[in-house]
């Protein structure tokens, strides 16, 4: 088969018929904001700004063709009115109550959808004090890890049946767990199941959810930096059994800015001596990250971004001496309104130094909510297209994207977006776009 023929292969994408269930482990600020935004959009009282699946367009063919359909009209995504919400949380609050407590949304947005939000109630959650230390739980499952895993599987089956869902996707919206590394229990699915039965302390709550999802053939997206679906057992199982997985860690505030700015510096060959980042956050996530073990998990996720973009091994004169520091502080008065400060020391022609300072007053859950929607819809699409295992094409949404072993993660947001859109073009049998533009000129003649 020629190169041109390969470019026009169309994947056999199953249609998005019936209802799509979106289940979120963790139904606090992010999940309640996500639910509320979708419900409000369905009722026509708000727009889903920030969502590529709802607002974005994709160019097909040449620029001169002027063919730029909405993404949700180009690929067969589930529609907003096909979505059913559910999930698990360590607190029993319904989603109206949870949203009121989170303080992200104003009453003018919550009151018109109060009935729908109040009807969404969390199932009992899997919880471990070892992995989430700064929050006390009141709505949790009992029994061994194996029993909890089987109960989660039953939860998924019951939700699907009760709501007449044709398909289900799980997106982790819970807190950052304490740092852990892969152990022998994570090596194979058999070892993991033995670990569940033995109540292994090396198995975190998020891994129990992921196990249940995989066993139910449900795509799983990891919105936190937790070690979850990126263990050998799950990566192998997901590939062998045709289940889509992706992660890690929603790319929202400060790291979003880094993946926008750093590619710009590198494209102009400007050196970077130092990048100091600090931020304050007062929501439940901030309280969890006040624990050093959870902060370490988050810190490692945030630190890896610049190195993969700037590639100091290839550009030692520009980036080898880069000092990168990340700091997060819990500050309750700020609530969900995170504030980040970045001091960036750069240098240019002949080594002359310059500084850039960024002060980003963002709303953490407002930035995360559209990512949950996009990931749920794209993960469902990927699975219907037969994309199994790691969905690297969704790196656009993550701080620490999962990749096949031996590949470095691509964190440049502009390359990530090109990868995502070219994947959609390939999925639909259209030619990928390289942006060379040579065919508009006479260079070939």
Protein backbone atom coordinates (compact mmCIF):
# COMPACT_ATOMS: atom_id res chain seq x y z
CA UNK A 1 0.00 0.00 0.00
CA UNK A 2 1.37 3.43 -0.93
CA UNK A 3 1.74 6.36 1.42
CA UNK A 4 -1.18 8.13 -0.25
CA UNK A 5 -3.36 5.07 0.23
CA UNK A 6 -2.46 4.87 3.92
CA UNK A 7 -3.56 8.46 4.38
CA UNK A 8 -7.05 7.69 3.10
CA UNK A 9 -7.80 4.58 5.17
CA UNK A 10 -11.03 5.15 7.10
CA UNK A 11 -11.50 3.51 10.46
CA UNK A 12 -14.72 1.65 11.07
CA UNK A 13 -16.17 3.93 13.76
CA UNK A 14 -19.32 2.58 15.39
CA UNK A 15 -22.12 5.17 15.67
CA UNK A 16 -22.78 7.01 18.93
CA UNK A 17 -26.24 5.53 19.44
CA UNK A 18 -28.10 5.43 22.73
CA UNK A 19 -27.15 6.99 26.04
CA UNK A 20 -23.58 7.52 27.24
CA UNK A 21 -22.98 7.25 30.97
CA UNK A 22 -20.15 9.37 32.38
CA UNK A 23 -19.07 8.19 35.82
CA UNK A 24 -16.68 10.26 37.95
CA UNK A 25 -14.79 8.90 40.94
CA UNK A 26 -14.67 12.09 42.98
CA UNK A 27 -17.77 14.29 42.79
CA UNK A 28 -16.56 17.53 44.33
CA UNK A 29 -15.77 20.89 42.75
CA UNK A 30 -14.60 19.65 39.33
CA UNK A 31 -17.31 17.04 38.76
CA UNK A 32 -20.19 19.21 40.03
CA UNK A 33 -19.00 22.11 37.84
CA UNK A 34 -18.79 19.75 34.86
CA UNK A 35 -22.26 18.31 35.46
CA UNK A 36 -23.77 21.77 35.94
CA UNK A 37 -22.19 23.16 32.78
CA UNK A 38 -23.48 20.34 30.58
CA UNK A 39 -26.98 20.52 32.08
CA UNK A 40 -27.01 24.31 31.65
CA UNK A 41 -25.85 23.97 28.03
CA UNK A 42 -28.60 21.43 27.34
CA UNK A 43 -31.17 23.88 28.71
CA UNK A 44 -29.69 26.73 26.68
CA UNK A 45 -28.79 28.89 29.70
CA UNK A 46 -24.98 28.70 29.30
CA UNK A 47 -22.41 27.92 26.65
CA UNK A 48 -19.68 25.24 26.94
CA UNK A 49 -16.75 27.61 26.51
CA UNK A 50 -13.38 25.88 26.79
CA UNK A 51 -14.63 22.63 25.23
CA UNK A 52 -12.96 21.65 21.97
CA UNK A 53 -15.64 19.05 21.26
CA UNK A 54 -18.41 21.65 21.52
CA UNK A 55 -16.81 24.88 20.27
CA UNK A 56 -13.87 23.76 18.12
CA UNK A 57 -13.62 23.46 14.36
CA UNK A 58 -11.31 21.36 12.20
CA UNK A 59 -9.94 22.18 8.77
CA UNK A 60 -10.47 19.50 6.12
CA UNK A 61 -8.50 19.69 2.88
CA UNK A 62 -6.72 22.78 1.59
CA UNK A 63 -7.08 26.28 2.97
CA UNK A 64 -8.67 27.28 -0.33
CA UNK A 65 -11.41 24.67 0.20
CA UNK A 66 -12.84 26.70 3.13
CA UNK A 67 -14.05 23.46 4.72
CA UNK A 68 -13.99 23.96 8.51
CA UNK A 69 -16.78 21.97 10.17
CA UNK A 70 -17.43 21.84 13.88
CA UNK A 71 -15.60 18.88 15.37
CA UNK A 72 -18.84 17.47 16.81
CA UNK A 73 -20.35 17.54 13.32
CA UNK A 74 -17.29 15.99 11.69
CA UNK A 75 -16.78 12.97 13.93
CA UNK A 76 -19.61 10.92 15.49
CA UNK A 77 -19.48 12.13 19.08
CA UNK A 78 -22.23 11.52 21.61
CA UNK A 79 -24.50 14.56 21.94
CA UNK A 80 -24.96 16.42 25.21
CA UNK A 81 -28.56 15.24 25.50
CA UNK A 82 -27.38 11.61 25.32
CA UNK A 83 -25.24 11.94 28.47
CA UNK A 84 -26.21 10.54 31.87
CA UNK A 85 -24.15 11.47 34.96
CA UNK A 86 -23.09 9.46 37.97
CA UNK A 87 -20.11 8.54 40.11
CA UNK A 88 -18.71 7.91 43.54
CA UNK A 89 -17.61 10.19 46.36
CA UNK A 90 -16.41 9.90 49.95
CA UNK A 91 -19.14 12.41 50.93
CA UNK A 92 -22.87 11.67 50.41
CA UNK A 93 -23.86 15.14 49.12
CA UNK A 94 -26.01 15.35 46.01
CA UNK A 95 -24.54 17.46 43.23
CA UNK A 96 -26.56 20.59 44.00
CA UNK A 97 -25.33 20.50 47.60
CA UNK A 98 -21.78 19.66 46.51
CA UNK A 99 -21.75 22.56 44.05
CA UNK A 100 -23.05 24.96 46.71
CA UNK A 101 -20.32 23.84 49.12
CA UNK A 102 -17.61 24.07 46.44
CA UNK A 103 -18.54 27.68 45.80
CA UNK A 104 -17.46 27.63 42.16
CA UNK A 105 -20.79 28.54 40.56
CA UNK A 106 -23.12 31.40 41.38
CA UNK A 107 -26.77 30.91 42.31
CA UNK A 108 -27.87 32.43 39.00
CA UNK A 109 -26.35 29.37 37.29
CA UNK A 110 -27.23 26.75 39.93
CA UNK A 111 -30.84 27.58 40.77
CA UNK A 112 -32.24 27.01 37.23
CA UNK A 113 -30.77 23.49 37.26
CA UNK A 114 -31.29 22.67 40.96
CA UNK A 115 -33.70 19.79 40.33
CA UNK A 116 -31.39 18.03 37.86
CA UNK A 117 -28.32 18.52 40.05
CA UNK A 118 -30.05 17.37 43.23
CA UNK A 119 -31.07 14.15 41.49
CA UNK A 120 -27.42 13.15 40.96
CA UNK A 121 -26.23 11.36 44.09
CA UNK A 122 -22.86 9.63 44.61
CA UNK A 123 -22.43 5.95 45.18
CA UNK A 124 -20.28 4.84 48.11
CA UNK A 125 -16.58 5.26 47.37
CA UNK A 126 -13.36 3.33 47.80
CA UNK A 127 -11.15 5.15 50.28
CA UNK A 128 -7.79 4.67 52.00
CA UNK A 129 -6.32 6.95 54.66
CA UNK A 130 -2.88 5.96 53.42
CA UNK A 131 -3.49 7.59 50.05
CA UNK A 132 -5.70 10.57 51.00
CA UNK A 133 -4.62 11.78 54.43
CA UNK A 134 -6.08 15.26 54.88
CA UNK A 135 -9.77 14.48 54.32
CA UNK A 136 -12.07 12.38 56.50
CA UNK A 137 -14.59 10.20 54.65
CA UNK A 138 -18.25 9.51 55.45
CA UNK A 139 -19.55 7.60 52.40
CA UNK A 140 -17.29 4.62 51.79
CA UNK A 141 -17.42 0.94 50.96
CA UNK A 142 -16.44 -1.72 53.48
CA UNK A 143 -14.78 -5.09 53.04
CA UNK A 144 -11.58 -6.22 51.35
CA UNK A 145 -10.15 -4.56 48.27
CA UNK A 146 -11.36 -7.53 46.25
CA UNK A 147 -14.90 -7.09 47.59
CA UNK A 148 -14.77 -3.36 46.89
CA UNK A 149 -13.62 -4.00 43.33
CA UNK A 150 -16.50 -6.42 42.74
CA UNK A 151 -18.92 -3.90 44.22
CA UNK A 152 -17.59 -1.22 41.85
CA UNK A 153 -18.17 -3.55 38.92
CA UNK A 154 -21.72 -4.10 40.15
CA UNK A 155 -22.16 -0.33 40.51
CA UNK A 156 -21.20 0.13 36.85
CA UNK A 157 -23.54 -2.63 35.72
CA UNK A 158 -26.43 -1.30 37.82
CA UNK A 159 -25.91 2.28 36.62
CA UNK A 160 -25.81 1.17 33.02
CA UNK A 161 -29.00 -0.88 33.39
CA UNK A 162 -30.92 1.67 35.49
CA UNK A 163 -30.18 4.52 33.06
CA UNK A 164 -30.46 2.41 29.90
CA UNK A 165 -26.92 3.38 28.85
CA UNK A 166 -25.42 1.78 25.79
CA UNK A 167 -21.89 2.72 26.84
CA UNK A 168 -20.07 4.09 29.89
CA UNK A 169 -16.87 6.11 30.34
CA UNK A 170 -15.06 6.80 33.62
CA UNK A 171 -13.11 10.03 34.21
CA UNK A 172 -11.23 10.35 37.49
CA UNK A 173 -12.09 13.72 39.09
CA UNK A 174 -10.92 12.86 42.60
CA UNK A 175 -8.05 14.16 44.67
CA UNK A 176 -4.35 13.52 44.17
CA UNK A 177 -3.28 10.38 45.99
CA UNK A 178 -0.06 10.01 47.96
CA UNK A 179 2.99 9.20 45.88
CA UNK A 180 3.64 5.54 45.13
CA UNK A 181 5.79 3.57 42.73
CA UNK A 182 5.03 0.38 40.79
CA UNK A 183 5.56 -2.79 42.79
CA UNK A 184 5.33 -6.52 41.94
CA UNK A 185 1.57 -6.41 42.55
CA UNK A 186 1.26 -4.09 39.51
CA UNK A 187 3.19 -6.31 37.11
CA UNK A 188 0.36 -8.47 35.75
CA UNK A 189 -3.41 -8.63 36.07
CA UNK A 190 -3.08 -11.94 37.88
CA UNK A 191 -0.68 -10.41 40.43
CA UNK A 192 -3.00 -7.43 40.85
CA UNK A 193 -6.01 -9.63 41.52
CA UNK A 194 -4.03 -11.58 44.10
CA UNK A 195 -3.11 -8.23 45.65
CA UNK A 196 -6.77 -7.25 45.83
CA UNK A 197 -7.61 -10.48 47.62
CA UNK A 198 -4.66 -10.02 50.00
CA UNK A 199 -5.61 -6.39 50.70
CA UNK A 200 -2.22 -5.17 49.48
CA UNK A 201 -1.26 -1.71 50.74
CA UNK A 202 0.45 -1.12 47.39
CA UNK A 203 -2.97 -0.88 45.71
CA UNK A 204 -4.50 2.60 45.80
CA UNK A 205 -8.21 3.45 45.56
CA UNK A 206 -7.81 4.88 42.03
CA UNK A 207 -6.30 1.57 40.91
CA UNK A 208 -9.33 -0.29 42.23
CA UNK A 209 -11.61 1.94 40.14
CA UNK A 210 -9.42 1.43 37.08
CA UNK A 211 -9.46 -2.34 37.57
CA UNK A 212 -13.26 -2.35 37.74
CA UNK A 213 -13.46 -0.19 34.61
CA UNK A 214 -11.15 -2.42 32.61
CA UNK A 215 -12.98 -5.56 33.67
CA UNK A 216 -16.23 -3.97 32.51
CA UNK A 217 -14.62 -2.82 29.21
CA UNK A 218 -15.18 0.81 30.22
CA UNK A 219 -12.70 3.47 28.98
CA UNK A 220 -10.82 5.15 31.84
CA UNK A 221 -9.30 8.65 31.82
CA UNK A 222 -7.08 9.64 34.73
CA UNK A 223 -7.47 13.33 35.57
CA UNK A 224 -4.98 13.25 38.47
CA UNK A 225 -1.24 12.48 38.63
CA UNK A 226 -1.91 9.23 40.52
CA UNK A 227 -0.22 6.01 39.47
CA UNK A 228 -3.35 4.34 38.11
CA UNK A 229 -3.81 3.00 34.57
CA UNK A 230 -0.10 3.45 33.80
CA UNK A 231 0.93 0.24 35.53
CA UNK A 232 2.11 -2.73 33.43
CA UNK A 233 -0.89 -4.88 34.37
CA UNK A 234 -3.43 -2.35 33.15
CA UNK A 235 -1.55 -1.19 30.07
CA UNK A 236 -1.20 -4.77 28.89
CA UNK A 237 -4.79 -5.73 29.72
CA UNK A 238 -6.27 -2.64 28.05
CA UNK A 239 -4.40 -3.35 24.83
CA UNK A 240 -5.25 -7.05 24.80
CA UNK A 241 -8.94 -6.49 25.57
CA UNK A 242 -9.59 -3.38 23.47
CA UNK A 243 -10.21 -0.87 26.27
CA UNK A 244 -9.16 2.78 25.88
CA UNK A 245 -7.08 4.35 28.68
CA UNK A 246 -5.47 7.77 29.04
CA UNK A 247 -3.82 10.08 31.57
CA UNK A 248 -2.36 11.72 33.58
CA UNK A 249 -3.40 14.92 35.35
CA UNK A 250 -5.71 17.52 33.78
CA UNK A 251 -3.69 20.34 32.22
CA UNK A 252 -5.37 23.46 33.54
CA UNK A 253 -3.80 26.53 35.19
CA UNK A 254 -0.09 27.02 35.60
CA UNK A 255 0.99 24.04 33.55
CA UNK A 256 -1.32 25.08 30.71
CA UNK A 257 0.56 28.40 30.58
CA UNK A 258 3.91 26.59 30.56
CA UNK A 259 2.95 24.42 27.60
CA UNK A 260 1.90 27.59 25.74
CA UNK A 261 4.93 29.76 26.61
CA UNK A 262 7.80 27.23 26.55
CA UNK A 263 7.23 26.18 22.90
CA UNK A 264 7.39 29.88 21.98
CA UNK A 265 10.75 30.36 23.66
CA UNK A 266 12.12 27.23 22.04
CA UNK A 267 10.81 28.16 18.58
CA UNK A 268 12.79 31.42 18.73
CA UNK A 269 15.86 29.75 20.30
CA UNK A 270 15.62 31.87 23.46
CA UNK A 271 17.40 30.38 26.44
CA UNK A 272 15.79 29.80 29.83
CA UNK A 273 17.89 29.96 33.01
CA UNK A 274 15.14 29.56 35.54
CA UNK A 275 11.40 29.08 35.96
CA UNK A 276 9.98 29.56 39.43
CA UNK A 277 6.30 28.66 39.86
CA UNK A 278 4.18 29.05 42.96
CA UNK A 279 0.44 29.08 43.47
CA UNK A 280 -2.21 29.19 46.17
CA UNK A 281 -5.39 27.13 46.20
CA UNK A 282 -8.10 26.80 48.82
CA UNK A 283 -10.47 24.05 47.65
CA UNK A 284 -10.54 20.37 48.66
CA UNK A 285 -7.71 19.67 46.23
CA UNK A 286 -5.61 22.31 47.99
CA UNK A 287 -6.24 20.66 51.35
CA UNK A 288 -5.16 17.28 49.97
CA UNK A 289 -2.01 18.74 48.40
CA UNK A 290 -1.06 20.20 51.78
CA UNK A 291 0.05 16.67 52.60
CA UNK A 292 3.69 16.25 51.43
CA UNK A 293 3.03 12.75 50.04
CA UNK A 294 0.22 13.98 47.78
CA UNK A 295 2.20 17.08 46.83
CA UNK A 296 5.10 14.91 45.67
CA UNK A 297 2.78 13.13 43.22
CA UNK A 298 1.61 16.49 41.85
CA UNK A 299 5.10 18.01 41.84
CA UNK A 300 6.56 15.25 39.69
CA UNK A 301 3.70 15.64 37.20
CA UNK A 302 4.27 19.40 36.91
CA UNK A 303 8.08 19.28 36.83
CA UNK A 304 8.38 17.00 33.79
CA UNK A 305 6.64 19.37 31.38
CA UNK A 306 9.49 21.80 30.63
CA UNK A 307 12.19 19.19 30.09
CA UNK A 308 10.19 17.32 27.46
CA UNK A 309 9.38 20.56 25.61
CA UNK A 310 12.76 22.30 25.80
CA UNK A 311 14.89 19.13 25.35
CA UNK A 312 18.04 20.28 27.19
CA UNK A 313 19.96 17.24 25.91
CA UNK A 314 19.54 18.56 22.35
CA UNK A 315 19.93 22.25 23.25
CA UNK A 316 22.43 22.32 26.14
CA UNK A 317 23.55 25.92 25.56
CA UNK A 318 19.95 27.10 25.94
CA UNK A 319 18.43 24.87 28.61
CA UNK A 320 20.99 22.61 30.30
CA UNK A 321 21.29 24.89 33.34
CA UNK A 322 17.54 25.51 33.69
CA UNK A 323 16.43 25.65 37.32
CA UNK A 324 12.75 24.69 37.62
CA UNK A 325 10.95 25.02 40.95
CA UNK A 326 7.26 24.27 41.66
CA UNK A 327 5.46 25.23 44.85
CA UNK A 328 1.79 24.84 45.89
CA UNK A 329 0.30 26.32 49.06
CA UNK A 330 -3.07 25.63 50.66
CA UNK A 331 -4.82 28.94 51.33
CA UNK A 332 -8.49 28.42 52.34
CA UNK A 333 -9.72 32.02 51.75
CA UNK A 334 -9.08 31.67 48.00
CA UNK A 335 -11.38 28.65 47.55
CA UNK A 336 -11.45 27.31 43.99
CA UNK A 337 -9.95 30.52 42.59
CA UNK A 338 -6.35 29.46 42.22
CA UNK A 339 -3.69 32.15 41.77
CA UNK A 340 -0.35 31.33 40.19
CA UNK A 341 2.84 33.33 39.88
CA UNK A 342 5.66 32.51 37.48
CA UNK A 343 9.04 34.19 37.27
CA UNK A 344 10.89 33.21 34.09
CA UNK A 345 14.52 34.18 33.53
CA UNK A 346 15.34 34.05 29.82
CA UNK A 347 18.26 35.18 27.67
CA UNK A 348 18.67 36.10 24.03
CA UNK A 349 21.18 37.47 21.53
CA UNK A 350 24.74 37.39 22.89
CA UNK A 351 23.44 36.12 26.25
CA UNK A 352 21.63 39.27 27.37
CA UNK A 353 19.15 38.45 30.11
CA UNK A 354 15.44 39.28 30.30
CA UNK A 355 12.55 38.42 32.63
CA UNK A 356 8.93 37.48 32.15
CA UNK A 357 6.44 37.48 35.02
CA UNK A 358 3.02 35.82 34.81
CA UNK A 359 0.23 36.29 37.35
CA UNK A 360 -2.64 33.97 36.48
CA UNK A 361 -5.83 34.37 38.54
CA UNK A 362 -7.73 31.35 37.33
CA UNK A 363 -10.69 29.26 38.38
CA UNK A 364 -9.47 25.71 38.72
CA UNK A 365 -12.74 23.86 38.18
CA UNK A 366 -13.87 26.20 35.40
CA UNK A 367 -10.75 25.23 33.45
CA UNK A 368 -11.03 21.52 34.32
CA UNK A 369 -14.76 20.99 33.59
CA UNK A 370 -14.54 21.23 29.77
CA UNK A 371 -11.58 18.83 29.83
CA UNK A 372 -13.73 16.22 31.58
CA UNK A 373 -16.38 16.57 28.87
CA UNK A 374 -13.89 16.39 26.00
CA UNK A 375 -12.05 13.41 27.45
CA UNK A 376 -15.27 11.50 28.07
CA UNK A 377 -16.52 12.09 24.53
CA UNK A 378 -13.17 11.45 22.84
CA UNK A 379 -12.45 8.33 24.92
CA UNK A 380 -15.85 6.97 23.91
CA UNK A 381 -15.10 7.85 20.29
CA UNK A 382 -11.68 6.19 20.42
CA UNK A 383 -13.10 2.97 21.80
CA UNK A 384 -15.83 2.93 19.14
CA UNK A 385 -13.09 3.41 16.51
CA UNK A 386 -11.22 0.37 17.82
CA UNK A 387 -8.40 2.37 19.44
CA UNK A 388 -7.23 0.13 22.26
CA UNK A 389 -4.87 0.80 25.14
CA UNK A 390 -3.10 4.14 25.54
CA UNK A 391 -4.76 7.06 23.76
CA UNK A 392 -1.70 9.24 23.22
CA UNK A 393 -3.64 11.43 20.80
CA UNK A 394 -5.37 12.90 23.87
CA UNK A 395 -2.09 14.21 25.34
CA UNK A 396 -3.52 17.68 24.67
CA UNK A 397 -5.48 17.41 27.93
CA UNK A 398 -2.77 16.17 30.31
CA UNK A 399 0.24 17.45 32.26
CA UNK A 400 2.03 14.09 32.13
CA UNK A 401 0.71 12.23 29.06
CA UNK A 402 0.91 8.48 28.93
CA UNK A 403 2.92 7.02 26.05
CA UNK A 404 4.00 3.64 24.79
CA UNK A 405 7.14 2.37 26.50
CA UNK A 406 10.21 3.86 24.85
CA UNK A 407 8.50 7.06 23.68
CA UNK A 408 9.00 10.40 25.42
CA UNK A 409 5.81 12.37 26.09
CA UNK A 410 4.99 15.27 23.78
CA UNK A 411 4.04 18.28 25.94
CA UNK A 412 4.12 21.09 23.37
CA UNK A 413 0.43 22.04 23.31
CA UNK A 414 0.56 23.07 19.64
CA UNK A 415 2.02 19.74 18.57
CA UNK A 416 -0.52 18.02 20.83
CA UNK A 417 -3.40 19.82 19.13
CA UNK A 418 -2.05 18.93 15.69
CA UNK A 419 -1.75 15.30 16.80
CA UNK A 420 -5.34 15.29 18.07
CA UNK A 421 -6.83 16.85 14.94
CA UNK A 422 -4.77 14.70 12.59
CA UNK A 423 -5.98 11.64 14.48
CA UNK A 424 -9.57 12.75 13.88
CA UNK A 425 -8.80 13.29 10.18
CA UNK A 426 -7.22 9.84 9.92
CA UNK A 427 -10.17 8.31 11.77
CA UNK A 428 -12.55 9.75 9.18
CA UNK A 429 -10.41 8.84 6.17
CA UNK A 430 -9.23 12.37 5.35
CA UNK A 431 -5.67 13.42 4.59
CA UNK A 432 -3.64 14.61 7.54
CA UNK A 433 -2.46 18.23 7.39
CA UNK A 434 1.26 19.02 7.69
CA UNK A 435 1.02 22.80 7.15
CA UNK A 436 3.97 22.90 4.72
CA UNK A 437 1.85 24.79 2.19
CA UNK A 438 4.22 23.86 -0.64
CA UNK A 439 1.41 22.73 -2.90
CA UNK A 440 0.09 26.30 -3.08
CA UNK A 441 3.27 27.45 -4.82
CA UNK A 442 5.33 26.46 -7.86
CA UNK A 443 8.27 24.92 -5.97
CA UNK A 444 7.49 21.52 -7.47
CA UNK A 445 7.49 22.76 -11.07
